[in-house]
PDB file of N, CA and C in Angstrom:
ATOM      1  N   MET A   1      -1.734  11.625  -7.594  1.00  0.00           N
ATOM      2  CA  MET A   1      -0.473  11.311  -7.149  1.00  0.00           C
ATOM      3  C   MET A   1      -0.125  11.789  -5.811  1.00  0.00           C
ATOM      4  N   MET A   2      -0.882  12.794  -5.411  1.00  0.00           N
ATOM      5  CA  MET A   2      -0.712  13.403  -4.013  1.00  0.00           C
ATOM      6  C   MET A   2      -1.391  12.635  -3.069  1.00  0.00           C
ATOM      7  N   LEU A   3      -2.686  12.063  -3.317  1.00  0.00           N
ATOM      8  CA  LEU A   3      -3.381  11.385  -2.267  1.00  0.00           C
ATOM      9  C   LEU A   3      -3.346   9.755  -2.592  1.00  0.00           C
ATOM     10  N   PRO A   4      -2.647   9.043  -1.665  1.00  0.00           N
ATOM     11  CA  PRO A   4      -2.526   7.496  -1.982  1.00  0.00           C
ATOM     12  C   PRO A   4      -3.836   6.887  -1.925  1.00  0.00           C
ATOM     13  N   GLY A   5      -4.301   6.116  -2.822  1.00  0.00           N
ATOM     14  CA  GLY A   5      -5.494   5.342  -2.929  1.00  0.00           C
ATOM     15  C   GLY A   5      -6.536   6.019  -3.777  1.00  0.00           C
ATOM     16  N   LEU A   6      -6.323   7.297  -4.180  1.00  0.00           N
ATOM     17  CA  LEU A   6      -7.382   7.895  -4.792  1.00  0.00           C
ATOM     18  C   LEU A   6      -7.491   7.285  -6.234  1.00  0.00           C
ATOM     19  N   GLY A   7      -6.202   6.904  -7.030  1.00  0.00           N
ATOM     20  CA  GLY A   7      -6.459   6.207  -8.203  1.00  0.00           C
ATOM     21  C   GLY A   7      -7.124   5.252  -8.255  1.00  0.00           C
ATOM     22  N   GLN A   8      -7.068   4.228  -7.092  1.00  0.00           N
ATOM     23  CA  GLN A   8      -7.763   2.952  -7.019  1.00  0.00           C
ATOM     24  C   GLN A   8      -9.148   3.246  -6.999  1.00  0.00           C
ATOM     25  N   MET A   9      -9.720   4.303  -6.053  1.00  0.00           N
ATOM     26  CA  MET A   9     -10.752   4.483  -5.773  1.00  0.00           C
ATOM     27  C   MET A   9     -11.629   5.088  -6.926  1.00  0.00           C
ATOM     28  N   MET A  10     -10.914   5.881  -7.804  1.00  0.00           N
ATOM     29  CA  MET A  10     -11.420   6.258  -9.020  1.00  0.00           C
ATOM     30  C   MET A  10     -11.674   5.142 -10.105  1.00  0.00           C
ATOM     31  N   LYS A  11     -11.103   3.994  -9.952  1.00  0.00           N
ATOM     32  CA  LYS A  11     -11.059   2.872 -10.618  1.00  0.00           C
ATOM     33  C   LYS A  11     -12.237   1.829 -10.106  1.00  0.00           C
ATOM     34  N   ASP A  12     -12.943   2.460  -9.180  1.00  0.00           N
ATOM     35  CA  ASP A  12     -13.909   1.486  -8.406  1.00  0.00           C
ATOM     36  C   ASP A  12     -13.359   0.368  -7.577  1.00  0.00           C
ATOM     37  N   GLN A  13     -12.170   0.826  -7.183  1.00  0.00           N
ATOM     38  CA  GLN A  13     -11.460  -0.179  -6.206  1.00  0.00           C
ATOM     39  C   GLN A  13     -11.332   0.437  -4.762  1.00  0.00           C
ATOM     40  N   VAL A  14     -12.580   0.468  -4.017  1.00  0.00           N
ATOM     41  CA  VAL A  14     -12.431   1.401  -2.806  1.00  0.00           C
ATOM     42  C   VAL A  14     -11.840   0.751  -1.772  1.00  0.00           C
ATOM     43  N   MET A  15     -11.965  -0.581  -1.513  1.00  0.00           N
ATOM     44  CA  MET A  15     -11.159  -1.327  -0.358  1.00  0.00           C
ATOM     45  C   MET A  15      -9.631  -1.091  -0.663  1.00  0.00           C
ATOM     46  N   PRO A  16      -9.080  -1.563  -1.895  1.00  0.00           N
ATOM     47  CA  PRO A  16      -7.747  -1.414  -2.085  1.00  0.00           C
ATOM     48  C   PRO A  16      -7.138  -0.020  -2.001  1.00  0.00           C
ATOM     49  N   GLY A  17      -8.052   1.001  -2.366  1.00  0.00           N
ATOM     50  CA  GLY A  17      -7.752   2.439  -2.168  1.00  0.00           C
ATOM     51  C   GLY A  17      -7.471   2.817  -0.705  1.00  0.00           C
ATOM     52  N   ILE A  18      -8.354   2.233   0.113  1.00  0.00           N
ATOM     53  CA  ILE A  18      -8.371   2.629   1.576  1.00  0.00           C
ATOM     54  C   ILE A  18      -7.139   1.822   2.124  1.00  0.00           C
ATOM     55  N   PHE A  19      -6.872   0.622   1.660  1.00  0.00           N
ATOM     56  CA  PHE A  19      -5.653  -0.128   2.315  1.00  0.00           C
ATOM     57  C   PHE A  19      -4.269   0.665   1.764  1.00  0.00           C
ATOM     58  N   TRP A  20      -4.207   0.974   0.617  1.00  0.00           N
ATOM     59  CA  TRP A  20      -3.050   1.750   0.135  1.00  0.00           C
ATOM     60  C   TRP A  20      -2.964   2.989   0.849  1.00  0.00           C
ATOM     61  N   ALA A  21      -3.937   3.709   1.144  1.00  0.00           N
ATOM     62  CA  ALA A  21      -3.985   5.037   1.863  1.00  0.00           C
ATOM     63  C   ALA A  21      -3.448   4.812   3.299  1.00  0.00           C
ATOM     64  N   ALA A  22      -3.867   3.710   3.861  1.00  0.00           N
ATOM     65  CA  ALA A  22      -3.359   3.334   5.231  1.00  0.00           C
ATOM     66  C   ALA A  22      -2.012   2.942   5.308  1.00  0.00           C
ATOM     67  N   LEU A  23      -1.571   2.175   4.175  1.00  0.00           N
ATOM     68  CA  LEU A  23      -0.174   1.674   4.179  1.00  0.00           C
ATOM     69  C   LEU A  23       0.773   2.768   3.925  1.00  0.00           C
ATOM     70  N   VAL A  24       0.302   3.693   3.006  1.00  0.00           N
ATOM     71  CA  VAL A  24       1.486   4.586   2.758  1.00  0.00           C
ATOM     72  C   VAL A  24       1.568   5.595   3.860  1.00  0.00           C
ATOM     73  N   ALA A  25       0.330   6.026   4.495  1.00  0.00           N
ATOM     74  CA  ALA A  25       0.411   6.803   5.669  1.00  0.00           C
ATOM     75  C   ALA A  25       1.161   6.189   6.882  1.00  0.00           C
ATOM     76  N   GLY A  26       0.972   4.874   7.034  1.00  0.00           N
ATOM     77  CA  GLY A  26       1.824   4.169   7.930  1.00  0.00           C
ATOM     78  C   GLY A  26       3.433   4.251   7.694  1.00  0.00           C
ATOM     79  N   GLY A  27       3.678   4.203   6.327  1.00  0.00           N
ATOM     80  CA  GLY A  27       5.053   4.179   5.967  1.00  0.00           C
ATOM     81  C   GLY A  27       5.637   5.685   5.984  1.00  0.00           C
ATOM     82  N   TYR A  28       4.818   6.643   5.810  1.00  0.00           N
ATOM     83  CA  TYR A  28       5.230   8.043   6.162  1.00  0.00           C
ATOM     84  C   TYR A  28       5.589   8.457   7.745  1.00  0.00           C
ATOM     85  N   TYR A  29       4.545   7.541   8.566  1.00  0.00           N
ATOM     86  CA  TYR A  29       4.773   7.844   9.902  1.00  0.00           C
ATOM     87  C   TYR A  29       5.912   7.130  10.281  1.00  0.00           C
ATOM     88  N   ALA A  30       6.456   6.027   9.848  1.00  0.00           N
ATOM     89  CA  ALA A  30       7.516   5.284  10.242  1.00  0.00           C
ATOM     90  C   ALA A  30       8.859   6.072   9.959  1.00  0.00           C
ATOM     91  N   PHE A  31       8.894   6.620   8.619  1.00  0.00           N
ATOM     92  CA  PHE A  31       9.928   7.397   8.247  1.00  0.00           C
ATOM     93  C   PHE A  31       9.650   7.709   6.801  1.00  0.00           C
ATOM     94  N   PHE A  32      10.499   8.559   6.230  1.00  0.00           N
ATOM     95  CA  PHE A  32      10.241   9.151   4.729  1.00  0.00           C
ATOM     96  C   PHE A  32      10.286   7.956   3.933  1.00  0.00           C
ATOM     97  N   TRP A  33      11.413   7.175   3.911  1.00  0.00           N
ATOM     98  CA  TRP A  33      11.540   6.205   2.749  1.00  0.00           C
ATOM     99  C   TRP A  33      10.605   5.304   2.730  1.00  0.00           C
ATOM    100  N   PRO A  34      10.346   4.388   3.603  1.00  0.00           N
ATOM    101  CA  PRO A  34       9.133   3.609   3.585  1.00  0.00           C
ATOM    102  C   PRO A  34       7.883   4.145   2.867  1.00  0.00           C
ATOM    103  N   GLY A  35       7.649   5.219   3.298  1.00  0.00           N
ATOM    104  CA  GLY A  35       6.358   5.906   2.851  1.00  0.00           C
ATOM    105  C   GLY A  35       6.746   6.288   1.241  1.00  0.00           C
ATOM    106  N   LEU A  36       7.798   6.615   0.975  1.00  0.00           N
ATOM    107  CA  LEU A  36       7.973   7.037  -0.586  1.00  0.00           C
ATOM    108  C   LEU A  36       7.969   5.698  -1.340  1.00  0.00           C
ATOM    109  N   VAL A  37       8.351   4.547  -0.694  1.00  0.00           N
ATOM    110  CA  VAL A  37       8.354   3.292  -1.524  1.00  0.00           C
ATOM    111  C   VAL A  37       6.901   2.867  -1.733  1.00  0.00           C
ATOM    112  N   PHE A  38       6.202   2.792  -0.657  1.00  0.00           N
ATOM    113  CA  PHE A  38       4.885   2.376  -0.570  1.00  0.00           C
ATOM    114  C   PHE A  38       3.904   3.522  -1.537  1.00  0.00           C
ATOM    115  N   HIS A  39       4.350   4.714  -1.518  1.00  0.00           N
ATOM    116  CA  HIS A  39       3.732   5.554  -2.432  1.00  0.00           C
ATOM    117  C   HIS A  39       3.912   5.312  -3.922  1.00  0.00           C
ATOM    118  N   ALA A  40       5.111   4.882  -4.088  1.00  0.00           N
ATOM    119  CA  ALA A  40       5.507   4.564  -5.687  1.00  0.00           C
ATOM    120  C   ALA A  40       4.663   3.309  -5.998  1.00  0.00           C
ATOM    121  N   LEU A  41       4.512   2.284  -5.092  1.00  0.00           N
ATOM    122  CA  LEU A  41       4.146   1.091  -5.416  1.00  0.00           C
ATOM    123  C   LEU A  41       2.602   1.484  -5.683  1.00  0.00           C
ATOM    124  N   CYS A  42       1.943   2.199  -4.844  1.00  0.00           N
ATOM    125  CA  CYS A  42       0.602   2.665  -4.868  1.00  0.00           C
ATOM    126  C   CYS A  42       0.337   3.216  -6.305  1.00  0.00           C
ATOM    127  N   ILE A  43       1.130   4.089  -6.749  1.00  0.00           N
ATOM    128  CA  ILE A  43       1.003   4.819  -7.931  1.00  0.00           C
ATOM    129  C   ILE A  43       1.150   3.853  -9.226  1.00  0.00           C
ATOM    130  N   LEU A  44       1.973   2.838  -9.119  1.00  0.00           N
ATOM    131  CA  LEU A  44       2.274   1.896 -10.299  1.00  0.00           C
ATOM    132  C   LEU A  44       1.075   1.096 -10.258  1.00  0.00           C
ATOM    133  N   ASP A  45       0.432   0.730  -8.909  1.00  0.00           N
ATOM    134  CA  ASP A  45      -0.785  -0.281  -9.056  1.00  0.00           C
ATOM    135  C   ASP A  45      -1.921   0.481  -9.541  1.00  0.00           C
ATOM    136  N   ALA A  46      -2.187   1.850  -9.224  1.00  0.00           N
ATOM    137  CA  ALA A  46      -3.196   2.439 -10.025  1.00  0.00           C
ATOM    138  C   ALA A  46      -3.097   2.757 -11.420  1.00  0.00           C
ATOM    139  N   ALA A  47      -1.749   2.807 -11.868  1.00  0.00           N
ATOM    140  CA  ALA A  47      -1.474   3.151 -13.294  1.00  0.00           C
ATOM    141  C   ALA A  47      -1.744   1.829 -14.085  1.00  0.00           C
ATOM    142  N   PHE A  48      -1.394   0.680 -13.631  1.00  0.00           N
ATOM    143  CA  PHE A  48      -1.297  -0.451 -14.377  1.00  0.00           C
ATOM    144  C   PHE A  48      -2.289  -1.573 -14.160  1.00  0.00           C
ATOM    145  N   SER A  49      -3.309  -1.379 -13.187  1.00  0.00           N
ATOM    146  CA  SER A  49      -4.424  -2.184 -12.882  1.00  0.00           C
ATOM    147  C   SER A  49      -5.424  -1.986 -13.855  1.00  0.00           C
ATOM    148  N   LYS A  50      -6.142  -3.063 -14.223  1.00  0.00           N
ATOM    149  CA  LYS A  50      -7.324  -2.755 -15.049  1.00  0.00           C
ATOM    150  C   LYS A  50      -8.596  -3.207 -14.333  1.00  0.00           C
ATOM    151  N   GLY A  51      -9.547  -2.144 -14.167  1.00  0.00           N
ATOM    152  CA  GLY A  51     -10.735  -2.609 -13.476  1.00  0.00           C
ATOM    153  C   GLY A  51     -10.656  -3.009 -12.034  1.00  0.00           C
ATOM    154  N   HIS A  52     -10.941  -4.093 -11.897  1.00  0.00           N
ATOM    155  CA  HIS A  52     -11.089  -4.763 -10.491  1.00  0.00           C
ATOM    156  C   HIS A  52      -9.768  -5.453 -10.114  1.00  0.00           C
ATOM    157  N   GLU A  53      -8.621  -5.513 -10.956  1.00  0.00           N
ATOM    158  CA  GLU A  53      -7.574  -6.200 -10.766  1.00  0.00           C
ATOM    159  C   GLU A  53      -6.710  -5.107  -9.942  1.00  0.00           C
ATOM    160  N   SER A  54      -6.148  -5.456  -8.899  1.00  0.00           N
ATOM    161  CA  SER A  54      -5.323  -4.629  -8.197  1.00  0.00           C
ATOM    162  C   SER A  54      -4.420  -5.501  -7.242  1.00  0.00           C
ATOM    163  N   MET A  55      -3.101  -4.846  -6.981  1.00  0.00           N
ATOM    164  CA  MET A  55      -2.119  -5.568  -6.214  1.00  0.00           C
ATOM    165  C   MET A  55      -2.624  -5.822  -4.885  1.00  0.00           C
ATOM    166  N   MET A  56      -3.601  -5.030  -4.376  1.00  0.00           N
ATOM    167  CA  MET A  56      -4.144  -5.102  -2.932  1.00  0.00           C
ATOM    168  C   MET A  56      -5.470  -5.869  -3.055  1.00  0.00           C
ATOM    169  N   ASP A  57      -5.873  -6.515  -4.183  1.00  0.00           N
ATOM    170  CA  ASP A  57      -6.986  -7.293  -4.358  1.00  0.00           C
ATOM    171  C   ASP A  57      -7.000  -8.567  -3.405  1.00  0.00           C
ATOM    172  N   LEU A  58      -5.872  -9.023  -2.970  1.00  0.00           N
ATOM    173  CA  LEU A  58      -5.670 -10.115  -2.137  1.00  0.00           C
ATOM    174  C   LEU A  58      -6.390 -11.336  -2.430  1.00  0.00           C
ATOM    175  N   THR A  59      -6.613 -11.685  -3.677  1.00  0.00           N
ATOM    176  CA  THR A  59      -7.365 -12.833  -4.245  1.00  0.00           C
ATOM    177  C   THR A  59      -6.463 -14.142  -4.297  1.00  0.00           C
ATOM    178  N   SER A  60      -5.039 -13.990  -4.426  1.00  0.00           N
ATOM    179  CA  SER A  60      -4.294 -15.125  -4.417  1.00  0.00           C
ATOM    180  C   SER A  60      -3.290 -15.005  -3.299  1.00  0.00           C
ATOM    181  N   TRP A  61      -2.847 -16.246  -2.984  1.00  0.00           N
ATOM    182  CA  TRP A  61      -1.858 -16.412  -1.878  1.00  0.00           C
ATOM    183  C   TRP A  61      -0.482 -15.689  -1.984  1.00  0.00           C
ATOM    184  N   PRO A  62      -0.042 -15.482  -3.156  1.00  0.00           N
ATOM    185  CA  PRO A  62       1.426 -14.738  -3.093  1.00  0.00           C
ATOM    186  C   PRO A  62       0.835 -13.180  -2.821  1.00  0.00           C
ATOM    187  N   LYS A  63      -0.079 -12.686  -3.207  1.00  0.00           N
ATOM    188  CA  LYS A  63      -0.435 -11.180  -2.860  1.00  0.00           C
ATOM    189  C   LYS A  63      -0.785 -11.064  -1.326  1.00  0.00           C
ATOM    190  N   ARG A  64      -1.314 -11.923  -0.817  1.00  0.00           N
ATOM    191  CA  ARG A  64      -1.697 -12.019   0.498  1.00  0.00           C
ATOM    192  C   ARG A  64      -0.436 -12.198   1.436  1.00  0.00           C
ATOM    193  N   ILE A  65       0.390 -12.949   0.926  1.00  0.00           N
ATOM    194  CA  ILE A  65       1.745 -13.108   1.542  1.00  0.00           C
ATOM    195  C   ILE A  65       2.463 -11.850   1.579  1.00  0.00           C
ATOM    196  N   LEU A  66       2.543 -11.275   0.386  1.00  0.00           N
ATOM    197  CA  LEU A  66       3.271 -10.002   0.052  1.00  0.00           C
ATOM    198  C   LEU A  66       2.719  -8.971   1.003  1.00  0.00           C
ATOM    199  N   PHE A  67       1.492  -8.683   1.020  1.00  0.00           N
ATOM    200  CA  PHE A  67       0.760  -7.837   1.913  1.00  0.00           C
ATOM    201  C   PHE A  67       1.010  -8.110   3.288  1.00  0.00           C
ATOM    202  N   VAL A  68       1.128  -9.176   3.905  1.00  0.00           N
ATOM    203  CA  VAL A  68       1.305  -9.554   5.140  1.00  0.00           C
ATOM    204  C   VAL A  68       2.819  -9.173   5.441  1.00  0.00           C
ATOM    205  N   ALA A  69       3.710  -9.535   4.615  1.00  0.00           N
ATOM    206  CA  ALA A  69       5.140  -9.208   4.843  1.00  0.00           C
ATOM    207  C   ALA A  69       5.366  -7.792   4.818  1.00  0.00           C
ATOM    208  N   MET A  70       4.742  -7.006   4.023  1.00  0.00           N
ATOM    209  CA  MET A  70       4.865  -5.402   3.957  1.00  0.00           C
ATOM    210  C   MET A  70       4.368  -4.883   5.254  1.00  0.00           C
ATOM    211  N   ILE A  71       3.140  -5.422   5.794  1.00  0.00           N
ATOM    212  CA  ILE A  71       2.756  -4.851   7.130  1.00  0.00           C
ATOM    213  C   ILE A  71       3.632  -5.308   8.185  1.00  0.00           C
ATOM    214  N   ALA A  72       4.173  -6.470   8.333  1.00  0.00           N
ATOM    215  CA  ALA A  72       4.960  -6.883   9.353  1.00  0.00           C
ATOM    216  C   ALA A  72       6.432  -6.140   9.303  1.00  0.00           C
ATOM    217  N   ALA A  73       6.786  -5.861   8.046  1.00  0.00           N
ATOM    218  CA  ALA A  73       8.153  -5.161   7.926  1.00  0.00           C
ATOM    219  C   ALA A  73       7.915  -3.854   8.425  1.00  0.00           C
ATOM    220  N   LEU A  74       6.784  -3.269   8.108  1.00  0.00           N
ATOM    221  CA  LEU A  74       6.574  -1.728   8.630  1.00  0.00           C
ATOM    222  C   LEU A  74       6.412  -1.769  10.046  1.00  0.00           C
ATOM    223  N   VAL A  75       5.499  -2.676  10.603  1.00  0.00           N
ATOM    224  CA  VAL A  75       5.279  -2.751  11.998  1.00  0.00           C
ATOM    225  C   VAL A  75       6.706  -2.899  12.762  1.00  0.00           C
ATOM    226  N   GLY A  76       7.527  -3.903  12.244  1.00  0.00           N
ATOM    227  CA  GLY A  76       8.792  -4.127  12.806  1.00  0.00           C
ATOM    228  C   GLY A  76       9.799  -2.894  12.744  1.00  0.00           C
ATOM    229  N   TYR A  77       9.762  -2.219  11.567  1.00  0.00           N
ATOM    230  CA  TYR A  77      10.589  -0.969  11.573  1.00  0.00           C
ATOM    231  C   TYR A  77      10.187   0.181  12.538  1.00  0.00           C
ATOM    232  N   ILE A  78       8.837   0.250  12.539  1.00  0.00           N
ATOM    233  CA  ILE A  78       8.316   1.263  13.619  1.00  0.00           C
ATOM    234  C   ILE A  78       8.740   0.912  14.975  1.00  0.00           C
ATOM    235  N   TYR A  79       8.556  -0.357  15.275  1.00  0.00           N
ATOM    236  CA  TYR A  79       8.992  -0.813  16.721  1.00  0.00           C
ATOM    237  C   TYR A  79      10.453  -0.468  16.857  1.00  0.00           C
ATOM    238  N   TYR A  80      11.209  -1.156  15.855  1.00  0.00           N
ATOM    239  CA  TYR A  80      12.741  -0.910  16.054  1.00  0.00           C
ATOM    240  C   TYR A  80      13.192   0.570  16.225  1.00  0.00           C
ATOM    241  N   ARG A  81      12.506   1.358  15.463  1.00  0.00           N
ATOM    242  CA  ARG A  81      12.916   2.959  15.332  1.00  0.00           C
ATOM    243  C   ARG A  81      12.506   3.492  16.719  1.00  0.00           C
ATOM    244  N   ASN A  82      11.355   3.100  17.295  1.00  0.00           N
ATOM    245  CA  ASN A  82      10.942   3.630  18.631  1.00  0.00           C
ATOM    246  C   ASN A  82      11.541   3.226  19.794  1.00  0.00           C
ATOM    247  N   VAL A  83      12.134   2.114  19.676  1.00  0.00           N
ATOM    248  CA  VAL A  83      12.769   1.347  21.048  1.00  0.00           C
ATOM    249  C   VAL A  83      14.002   2.070  21.442  1.00  0.00           C
TER     250      VAL A  83
END
């Protein structure tokens, strides 16, 4: 629970684990609340995904769109906060 992405990596989902770690770190860099939300989503993904199924697997278009939207929202928030 303390290291984002570790649960995914323990389930042999290395790339989703790395993506989650980067996303959560970016969220905490932006501000506490985005990091906390991303961390909670990361924990839920690790807890409820089976084997190679992951929210960050990016095999379907809705997951890809959600991932791009989350990244765009985070980058926009960081930009808005620092301008």
